[in-house]
Amino acid sequence: MTLKECKKEEKADKEFQKKFKFEGSIEVLTQMMVDPAVTEKRGGGKNLPLRPGEILDVIQFTNQEQILCRNSQRRYGYVPRAVMLHL
């Protein structure tokens, strides 16, 4: 990884911590897959855009209805638990 990419990741992580009021280090708890049967959904606000079959990193289990996740483009957002499958 180049220095430029490293700084870009650091900046994205800091923006995430500020936007979601997340304290501490960002650790991946597990990985889950978006249900392949779900239709593609656009993100908005704090919600993550979803693609069927996409593998997401789980950062935090926030409540019974949603999970805080990160996608392969290092974007963060909430995802409904109902559309997530365990790997």
PDB file of N, CA and C in Angstrom:
ATOM      1  N   MET A   1       0.847  -1.176   0.000  1.00  0.00           N
ATOM      2  CA  MET A   1       0.000   0.000   0.000  1.00  0.00           C
ATOM      3  C   MET A   1       0.898   1.246   0.000  1.00  0.00           C
ATOM      4  N   THR A   2       0.556   2.191  -0.841  1.00  0.00           N
ATOM      5  CA  THR A   2       1.356   3.400  -0.924  1.00  0.00           C
ATOM      6  C   THR A   2       0.999   4.352   0.215  1.00  0.00           C
ATOM      7  N   LEU A   3       1.839   5.340   0.409  1.00  0.00           N
ATOM      8  CA  LEU A   3       1.606   6.330   1.453  1.00  0.00           C
ATOM      9  C   LEU A   3       0.310   7.091   1.193  1.00  0.00           C
ATOM     10  N   LYS A   4       0.057   7.395  -0.079  1.00  0.00           N
ATOM     11  CA  LYS A   4      -1.162   8.116  -0.449  1.00  0.00           C
ATOM     12  C   LYS A   4      -2.410   7.313  -0.090  1.00  0.00           C
ATOM     13  N   GLU A   5      -2.398   6.011  -0.386  1.00  0.00           N
ATOM     14  CA  GLU A   5      -3.540   5.151  -0.062  1.00  0.00           C
ATOM     15  C   GLU A   5      -3.734   5.044   1.447  1.00  0.00           C
ATOM     16  N   CYS A   6      -2.628   4.963   2.165  1.00  0.00           N
ATOM     17  CA  CYS A   6      -2.680   4.860   3.625  1.00  0.00           C
ATOM     18  C   CYS A   6      -3.313   6.112   4.233  1.00  0.00           C
ATOM     19  N   LYS A   7      -2.905   7.277   3.762  1.00  0.00           N
ATOM     20  CA  LYS A   7      -3.471   8.534   4.267  1.00  0.00           C
ATOM     21  C   LYS A   7      -4.948   8.648   3.914  1.00  0.00           C
ATOM     22  N   LYS A   8      -5.319   8.157   2.721  1.00  0.00           N
ATOM     23  CA  LYS A   8      -6.720   8.190   2.308  1.00  0.00           C
ATOM     24  C   LYS A   8      -7.571   7.318   3.231  1.00  0.00           C
ATOM     25  N   GLU A   9      -7.051   6.144   3.593  1.00  0.00           N
ATOM     26  CA  GLU A   9      -7.773   5.253   4.510  1.00  0.00           C
ATOM     27  C   GLU A   9      -7.905   5.880   5.891  1.00  0.00           C
ATOM     28  N   GLU A  10      -6.836   6.497   6.370  1.00  0.00           N
ATOM     29  CA  GLU A  10      -6.876   7.167   7.678  1.00  0.00           C
ATOM     30  C   GLU A  10      -7.937   8.262   7.680  1.00  0.00           C
ATOM     31  N   LYS A  11      -7.987   9.048   6.609  1.00  0.00           N
ATOM     32  CA  LYS A  11      -8.965  10.123   6.510  1.00  0.00           C
ATOM     33  C   LYS A  11     -10.389   9.561   6.509  1.00  0.00           C
ATOM     34  N   ALA A  12     -10.621   8.484   5.759  1.00  0.00           N
ATOM     35  CA  ALA A  12     -11.953   7.862   5.701  1.00  0.00           C
ATOM     36  C   ALA A  12     -12.359   7.331   7.076  1.00  0.00           C
ATOM     37  N   ASP A  13     -11.397   6.738   7.794  1.00  0.00           N
ATOM     38  CA  ASP A  13     -11.692   6.213   9.126  1.00  0.00           C
ATOM     39  C   ASP A  13     -12.040   7.329  10.105  1.00  0.00           C
ATOM     40  N   LYS A  14     -11.329   8.455  10.021  1.00  0.00           N
ATOM     41  CA  LYS A  14     -11.620   9.591  10.909  1.00  0.00           C
ATOM     42  C   LYS A  14     -12.983  10.188  10.608  1.00  0.00           C
ATOM     43  N   GLU A  15     -13.321  10.295   9.319  1.00  0.00           N
ATOM     44  CA  GLU A  15     -14.640  10.808   8.935  1.00  0.00           C
ATOM     45  C   GLU A  15     -15.739   9.884   9.447  1.00  0.00           C
ATOM     46  N   PHE A  16     -15.501   8.568   9.353  1.00  0.00           N
ATOM     47  CA  PHE A  16     -16.466   7.589   9.858  1.00  0.00           C
ATOM     48  C   PHE A  16     -16.682   7.780  11.354  1.00  0.00           C
ATOM     49  N   GLN A  17     -15.587   7.899  12.116  1.00  0.00           N
ATOM     50  CA  GLN A  17     -15.697   8.042  13.560  1.00  0.00           C
ATOM     51  C   GLN A  17     -16.453   9.305  13.941  1.00  0.00           C
ATOM     52  N   LYS A  18     -16.255  10.373  13.195  1.00  0.00           N
ATOM     53  CA  LYS A  18     -16.957  11.620  13.470  1.00  0.00           C
ATOM     54  C   LYS A  18     -18.440  11.503  13.115  1.00  0.00           C
ATOM     55  N   LYS A  19     -18.740  10.973  11.921  1.00  0.00           N
ATOM     56  CA  LYS A  19     -20.122  10.877  11.446  1.00  0.00           C
ATOM     57  C   LYS A  19     -20.980   9.973  12.315  1.00  0.00           C
ATOM     58  N   PHE A  20     -20.422   8.833  12.737  1.00  0.00           N
ATOM     59  CA  PHE A  20     -21.201   7.854  13.498  1.00  0.00           C
ATOM     60  C   PHE A  20     -20.946   7.921  15.005  1.00  0.00           C
ATOM     61  N   LYS A  21     -20.174   8.932  15.446  1.00  0.00           N
ATOM     62  CA  LYS A  21     -19.843   9.097  16.869  1.00  0.00           C
ATOM     63  C   LYS A  21     -19.292   7.791  17.435  1.00  0.00           C
ATOM     64  N   PHE A  22     -18.364   7.203  16.682  1.00  0.00           N
ATOM     65  CA  PHE A  22     -17.759   5.920  17.035  1.00  0.00           C
ATOM     66  C   PHE A  22     -16.445   6.188  17.748  1.00  0.00           C
ATOM     67  N   GLU A  23     -16.289   5.613  18.932  1.00  0.00           N
ATOM     68  CA  GLU A  23     -15.063   5.810  19.702  1.00  0.00           C
ATOM     69  C   GLU A  23     -14.257   4.523  19.730  1.00  0.00           C
ATOM     70  N   GLY A  24     -12.950   4.666  19.774  1.00  0.00           N
ATOM     71  CA  GLY A  24     -12.076   3.510  19.834  1.00  0.00           C
ATOM     72  C   GLY A  24     -11.602   3.101  18.456  1.00  0.00           C
ATOM     73  N   SER A  25     -10.864   1.997  18.430  1.00  0.00           N
ATOM     74  CA  SER A  25     -10.327   1.534  17.156  1.00  0.00           C
ATOM     75  C   SER A  25     -11.408   0.795  16.363  1.00  0.00           C
ATOM     76  N   ILE A  26     -11.284   0.845  15.051  1.00  0.00           N
ATOM     77  CA  ILE A  26     -12.246   0.189  14.167  1.00  0.00           C
ATOM     78  C   ILE A  26     -11.782  -1.243  13.947  1.00  0.00           C
ATOM     79  N   GLU A  27     -12.564  -2.185  14.446  1.00  0.00           N
ATOM     80  CA  GLU A  27     -12.231  -3.599  14.313  1.00  0.00           C
ATOM     81  C   GLU A  27     -13.376  -4.329  13.633  1.00  0.00           C
ATOM     82  N   VAL A  28     -13.028  -5.229  12.738  1.00  0.00           N
ATOM     83  CA  VAL A  28     -14.037  -6.039  12.043  1.00  0.00           C
ATOM     84  C   VAL A  28     -14.410  -7.204  12.954  1.00  0.00           C
ATOM     85  N   LEU A  29     -15.702  -7.294  13.313  1.00  0.00           N
ATOM     86  CA  LEU A  29     -16.171  -8.367  14.183  1.00  0.00           C
ATOM     87  C   LEU A  29     -16.364  -9.659  13.401  1.00  0.00           C
ATOM     88  N   THR A  30     -16.953  -9.540  12.230  1.00  0.00           N
ATOM     89  CA  THR A  30     -17.209 -10.689  11.359  1.00  0.00           C
ATOM     90  C   THR A  30     -17.539 -10.173   9.965  1.00  0.00           C
ATOM     91  N   GLN A  31     -17.747 -11.076   9.043  1.00  0.00           N
ATOM     92  CA  GLN A  31     -18.202 -10.704   7.707  1.00  0.00           C
ATOM     93  C   GLN A  31     -19.551 -11.364   7.457  1.00  0.00           C
ATOM     94  N   MET A  32     -20.428 -10.621   6.783  1.00  0.00           N
ATOM     95  CA  MET A  32     -21.745 -11.133   6.446  1.00  0.00           C
ATOM     96  C   MET A  32     -22.036 -10.787   4.993  1.00  0.00           C
ATOM     97  N   MET A  33     -22.984 -11.521   4.397  1.00  0.00           N
ATOM     98  CA  MET A  33     -23.335 -11.306   3.000  1.00  0.00           C
ATOM     99  C   MET A  33     -24.735 -10.727   2.896  1.00  0.00           C
ATOM    100  N   VAL A  34     -24.896  -9.794   1.950  1.00  0.00           N
ATOM    101  CA  VAL A  34     -26.219  -9.257   1.644  1.00  0.00           C
ATOM    102  C   VAL A  34     -26.977 -10.354   0.911  1.00  0.00           C
ATOM    103  N   ASP A  35     -28.212 -10.593   1.315  1.00  0.00           N
ATOM    104  CA  ASP A  35     -29.050 -11.629   0.707  1.00  0.00           C
ATOM    105  C   ASP A  35     -29.099 -11.457  -0.820  1.00  0.00           C
ATOM    106  N   PRO A  36     -28.724 -12.506  -1.579  1.00  0.00           N
ATOM    107  CA  PRO A  36     -28.749 -12.400  -3.045  1.00  0.00           C
ATOM    108  C   PRO A  36     -30.142 -12.138  -3.618  1.00  0.00           C
ATOM    109  N   ALA A  37     -31.193 -12.439  -2.859  1.00  0.00           N
ATOM    110  CA  ALA A  37     -32.558 -12.240  -3.338  1.00  0.00           C
ATOM    111  C   ALA A  37     -33.034 -10.792  -3.179  1.00  0.00           C
ATOM    112  N   VAL A  38     -32.280  -9.991  -2.450  1.00  0.00           N
ATOM    113  CA  VAL A  38     -32.688  -8.608  -2.202  1.00  0.00           C
ATOM    114  C   VAL A  38     -32.395  -7.753  -3.443  1.00  0.00           C
ATOM    115  N   THR A  39     -33.257  -6.763  -3.686  1.00  0.00           N
ATOM    116  CA  THR A  39     -33.002  -5.860  -4.808  1.00  0.00           C
ATOM    117  C   THR A  39     -31.944  -4.842  -4.412  1.00  0.00           C
ATOM    118  N   GLU A  40     -31.228  -4.324  -5.379  1.00  0.00           N
ATOM    119  CA  GLU A  40     -30.177  -3.339  -5.110  1.00  0.00           C
ATOM    120  C   GLU A  40     -30.808  -2.100  -4.494  1.00  0.00           C
ATOM    121  N   LYS A  41     -30.177  -1.594  -3.413  1.00  0.00           N
ATOM    122  CA  LYS A  41     -30.726  -0.428  -2.723  1.00  0.00           C
ATOM    123  C   LYS A  41     -29.675   0.666  -2.672  1.00  0.00           C
ATOM    124  N   ARG A  42     -30.113   1.872  -2.931  1.00  0.00           N
ATOM    125  CA  ARG A  42     -29.218   3.015  -2.843  1.00  0.00           C
ATOM    126  C   ARG A  42     -29.122   3.443  -1.390  1.00  0.00           C
ATOM    127  N   GLY A  43     -27.945   3.869  -1.006  1.00  0.00           N
ATOM    128  CA  GLY A  43     -27.756   4.377   0.342  1.00  0.00           C
ATOM    129  C   GLY A  43     -28.262   5.805   0.428  1.00  0.00           C
ATOM    130  N   GLY A  44     -28.369   6.258   1.622  1.00  0.00           N
ATOM    131  CA  GLY A  44     -28.788   7.639   1.827  1.00  0.00           C
ATOM    132  C   GLY A  44     -28.589   7.989   3.284  1.00  0.00           C
ATOM    133  N   GLY A  45     -28.140   9.179   3.556  1.00  0.00           N
ATOM    134  CA  GLY A  45     -27.884   9.567   4.935  1.00  0.00           C
ATOM    135  C   GLY A  45     -26.799   8.696   5.526  1.00  0.00           C
ATOM    136  N   LYS A  46     -27.153   7.905   6.505  1.00  0.00           N
ATOM    137  CA  LYS A  46     -26.184   7.019   7.160  1.00  0.00           C
ATOM    138  C   LYS A  46     -26.330   5.569   6.718  1.00  0.00           C
ATOM    139  N   ASN A  47     -27.181   5.310   5.710  1.00  0.00           N
ATOM    140  CA  ASN A  47     -27.379   3.945   5.232  1.00  0.00           C
ATOM    141  C   ASN A  47     -26.400   3.613   4.115  1.00  0.00           C
ATOM    142  N   LEU A  48     -25.925   2.386   4.129  1.00  0.00           N
ATOM    143  CA  LEU A  48     -24.959   1.915   3.141  1.00  0.00           C
ATOM    144  C   LEU A  48     -25.691   1.407   1.901  1.00  0.00           C
ATOM    145  N   PRO A  49     -25.225   1.759   0.699  1.00  0.00           N
ATOM    146  CA  PRO A  49     -25.844   1.187  -0.504  1.00  0.00           C
ATOM    147  C   PRO A  49     -25.607  -0.324  -0.544  1.00  0.00           C
ATOM    148  N   LEU A  50     -26.609  -1.074  -0.980  1.00  0.00           N
ATOM    149  CA  LEU A  50     -26.515  -2.536  -0.958  1.00  0.00           C
ATOM    150  C   LEU A  50     -26.562  -3.119  -2.359  1.00  0.00           C
ATOM    151  N   ARG A  51     -25.724  -4.136  -2.574  1.00  0.00           N
ATOM    152  CA  ARG A  51     -25.755  -4.922  -3.807  1.00  0.00           C
ATOM    153  C   ARG A  51     -25.970  -6.376  -3.405  1.00  0.00           C
ATOM    154  N   PRO A  52     -26.863  -7.081  -4.082  1.00  0.00           N
ATOM    155  CA  PRO A  52     -27.125  -8.493  -3.752  1.00  0.00           C
ATOM    156  C   PRO A  52     -25.847  -9.322  -3.805  1.00  0.00           C
ATOM    157  N   GLY A  53     -25.625 -10.130  -2.767  1.00  0.00           N
ATOM    158  CA  GLY A  53     -24.465 -11.020  -2.715  1.00  0.00           C
ATOM    159  C   GLY A  53     -23.180 -10.366  -2.245  1.00  0.00           C
ATOM    160  N   GLU A  54     -23.210  -9.079  -1.959  1.00  0.00           N
ATOM    161  CA  GLU A  54     -22.018  -8.354  -1.519  1.00  0.00           C
ATOM    162  C   GLU A  54     -21.595  -8.799  -0.116  1.00  0.00           C
ATOM    163  N   ILE A  55     -20.289  -8.937   0.092  1.00  0.00           N
ATOM    164  CA  ILE A  55     -19.742  -9.290   1.408  1.00  0.00           C
ATOM    165  C   ILE A  55     -19.383  -8.004   2.131  1.00  0.00           C
ATOM    166  N   LEU A  56     -19.894  -7.833   3.351  1.00  0.00           N
ATOM    167  CA  LEU A  56     -19.638  -6.638   4.150  1.00  0.00           C
ATOM    168  C   LEU A  56     -18.907  -6.991   5.436  1.00  0.00           C
ATOM    169  N   ASP A  57     -18.030  -6.085   5.884  1.00  0.00           N
ATOM    170  CA  ASP A  57     -17.377  -6.213   7.188  1.00  0.00           C
ATOM    171  C   ASP A  57     -18.309  -5.641   8.241  1.00  0.00           C
ATOM    172  N   VAL A  58     -18.570  -6.399   9.297  1.00  0.00           N
ATOM    173  CA  VAL A  58     -19.418  -5.921  10.387  1.00  0.00           C
ATOM    174  C   VAL A  58     -18.533  -5.218  11.406  1.00  0.00           C
ATOM    175  N   ILE A  59     -18.827  -3.946  11.662  1.00  0.00           N
ATOM    176  CA  ILE A  59     -18.067  -3.147  12.618  1.00  0.00           C
ATOM    177  C   ILE A  59     -18.744  -3.171  13.990  1.00  0.00           C
ATOM    178  N   GLN A  60     -20.077  -3.106  13.998  1.00  0.00           N
ATOM    179  CA  GLN A  60     -20.801  -3.062  15.275  1.00  0.00           C
ATOM    180  C   GLN A  60     -22.237  -3.544  15.073  1.00  0.00           C
ATOM    181  N   PHE A  61     -22.714  -4.366  16.013  1.00  0.00           N
ATOM    182  CA  PHE A  61     -24.126  -4.755  16.049  1.00  0.00           C
ATOM    183  C   PHE A  61     -24.823  -3.679  16.867  1.00  0.00           C
ATOM    184  N   THR A  62     -25.479  -2.726  16.202  1.00  0.00           N
ATOM    185  CA  THR A  62     -26.001  -1.550  16.891  1.00  0.00           C
ATOM    186  C   THR A  62     -27.299  -1.813  17.650  1.00  0.00           C
ATOM    187  N   ASN A  63     -28.238  -2.506  17.022  1.00  0.00           N
ATOM    188  CA  ASN A  63     -29.499  -2.842  17.704  1.00  0.00           C
ATOM    189  C   ASN A  63     -30.143  -4.028  16.994  1.00  0.00           C
ATOM    190  N   GLN A  64     -31.389  -4.334  17.322  1.00  0.00           N
ATOM    191  CA  GLN A  64     -32.070  -5.496  16.764  1.00  0.00           C
ATOM    192  C   GLN A  64     -32.386  -5.344  15.277  1.00  0.00           C
ATOM    193  N   GLU A  65     -32.401  -4.105  14.771  1.00  0.00           N
ATOM    194  CA  GLU A  65     -32.819  -3.879  13.395  1.00  0.00           C
ATOM    195  C   GLU A  65     -31.708  -3.561  12.418  1.00  0.00           C
ATOM    196  N   GLN A  66     -30.560  -3.064  12.910  1.00  0.00           N
ATOM    197  CA  GLN A  66     -29.511  -2.696  11.969  1.00  0.00           C
ATOM    198  C   GLN A  66     -28.114  -2.980  12.489  1.00  0.00           C
ATOM    199  N   ILE A  67     -27.183  -3.039  11.519  1.00  0.00           N
ATOM    200  CA  ILE A  67     -25.780  -3.349  11.800  1.00  0.00           C
ATOM    201  C   ILE A  67     -24.937  -2.265  11.140  1.00  0.00           C
ATOM    202  N   LEU A  68     -23.878  -1.854  11.804  1.00  0.00           N
ATOM    203  CA  LEU A  68     -22.937  -0.895  11.222  1.00  0.00           C
ATOM    204  C   LEU A  68     -21.888  -1.680  10.446  1.00  0.00           C
ATOM    205  N   CYS A  69     -21.790  -1.417   9.132  1.00  0.00           N
ATOM    206  CA  CYS A  69     -20.920  -2.206   8.245  1.00  0.00           C
ATOM    207  C   CYS A  69     -20.015  -1.325   7.399  1.00  0.00           C
ATOM    208  N   ARG A  70     -19.030  -1.995   6.773  1.00  0.00           N
ATOM    209  CA  ARG A  70     -18.128  -1.353   5.814  1.00  0.00           C
ATOM    210  C   ARG A  70     -18.098  -2.212   4.563  1.00  0.00           C
ATOM    211  N   ASN A  71     -18.173  -1.562   3.392  1.00  0.00           N
ATOM    212  CA  ASN A  71     -18.126  -2.328   2.149  1.00  0.00           C
ATOM    213  C   ASN A  71     -16.709  -2.356   1.577  1.00  0.00           C
ATOM    214  N   SER A  72     -16.542  -2.935   0.409  1.00  0.00           N
ATOM    215  CA  SER A  72     -15.213  -3.097  -0.188  1.00  0.00           C
ATOM    216  C   SER A  72     -14.596  -1.763  -0.623  1.00  0.00           C
ATOM    217  N   GLN A  73     -15.413  -0.730  -0.788  1.00  0.00           N
ATOM    218  CA  GLN A  73     -14.890   0.594  -1.133  1.00  0.00           C
ATOM    219  C   GLN A  73     -14.579   1.431   0.115  1.00  0.00           C
ATOM    220  N   ARG A  74     -14.580   0.789   1.276  1.00  0.00           N
ATOM    221  CA  ARG A  74     -14.328   1.421   2.574  1.00  0.00           C
ATOM    222  C   ARG A  74     -15.369   2.496   2.907  1.00  0.00           C
ATOM    223  N   ARG A  75     -16.598   2.297   2.444  1.00  0.00           N
ATOM    224  CA  ARG A  75     -17.704   3.165   2.834  1.00  0.00           C
ATOM    225  C   ARG A  75     -18.392   2.515   4.016  1.00  0.00           C
ATOM    226  N   TYR A  76     -18.827   3.352   4.949  1.00  0.00           N
ATOM    227  CA  TYR A  76     -19.463   2.880   6.169  1.00  0.00           C
ATOM    228  C   TYR A  76     -20.934   3.268   6.161  1.00  0.00           C
ATOM    229  N   GLY A  77     -21.759   2.467   6.842  1.00  0.00           N
ATOM    230  CA  GLY A  77     -23.160   2.811   6.973  1.00  0.00           C
ATOM    231  C   GLY A  77     -23.952   1.705   7.635  1.00  0.00           C
ATOM    232  N   TYR A  78     -25.200   2.033   7.922  1.00  0.00           N
ATOM    233  CA  TYR A  78     -26.096   1.069   8.552  1.00  0.00           C
ATOM    234  C   TYR A  78     -26.751   0.184   7.498  1.00  0.00           C
ATOM    235  N   VAL A  79     -26.948  -1.083   7.869  1.00  0.00           N
ATOM    236  CA  VAL A  79     -27.585  -2.061   6.996  1.00  0.00           C
ATOM    237  C   VAL A  79     -28.658  -2.782   7.818  1.00  0.00           C
ATOM    238  N   PRO A  80     -29.868  -2.973   7.256  1.00  0.00           N
ATOM    239  CA  PRO A  80     -30.906  -3.704   7.983  1.00  0.00           C
ATOM    240  C   PRO A  80     -30.480  -5.162   8.211  1.00  0.00           C
ATOM    241  N   ARG A  81     -30.694  -5.652   9.421  1.00  0.00           N
ATOM    242  CA  ARG A  81     -30.343  -7.044   9.746  1.00  0.00           C
ATOM    243  C   ARG A  81     -31.120  -8.039   8.886  1.00  0.00           C
ATOM    244  N   ALA A  82     -32.332  -7.655   8.485  1.00  0.00           N
ATOM    245  CA  ALA A  82     -33.202  -8.568   7.741  1.00  0.00           C
ATOM    246  C   ALA A  82     -32.599  -8.997   6.396  1.00  0.00           C
ATOM    247  N   VAL A  83     -31.707  -8.184   5.831  1.00  0.00           N
ATOM    248  CA  VAL A  83     -31.144  -8.521   4.510  1.00  0.00           C
ATOM    249  C   VAL A  83     -29.764  -9.150   4.607  1.00  0.00           C
ATOM    250  N   MET A  84     -29.285  -9.441   5.820  1.00  0.00           N
ATOM    251  CA  MET A  84     -27.941  -9.979   6.004  1.00  0.00           C
ATOM    252  C   MET A  84     -27.971 -11.484   6.286  1.00  0.00           C
ATOM    253  N   LEU A  85     -27.001 -12.196   5.710  1.00  0.00           N
ATOM    254  CA  LEU A  85     -26.847 -13.639   5.913  1.00  0.00           C
ATOM    255  C   LEU A  85     -25.466 -13.930   6.474  1.00  0.00           C
ATOM    256  N   HIS A  86     -25.388 -14.892   7.397  1.00  0.00           N
ATOM    257  CA  HIS A  86     -24.074 -15.317   7.912  1.00  0.00           C
ATOM    258  C   HIS A  86     -23.347 -16.096   6.839  1.00  0.00           C
ATOM    259  N   LEU A  87     -22.039 -15.962   6.803  1.00  0.00           N
ATOM    260  CA  LEU A  87     -21.233 -16.716   5.829  1.00  0.00           C
ATOM    261  C   LEU A  87     -21.018 -18.133   6.321  1.00  0.00           C
TER     262      LEU A  87
END
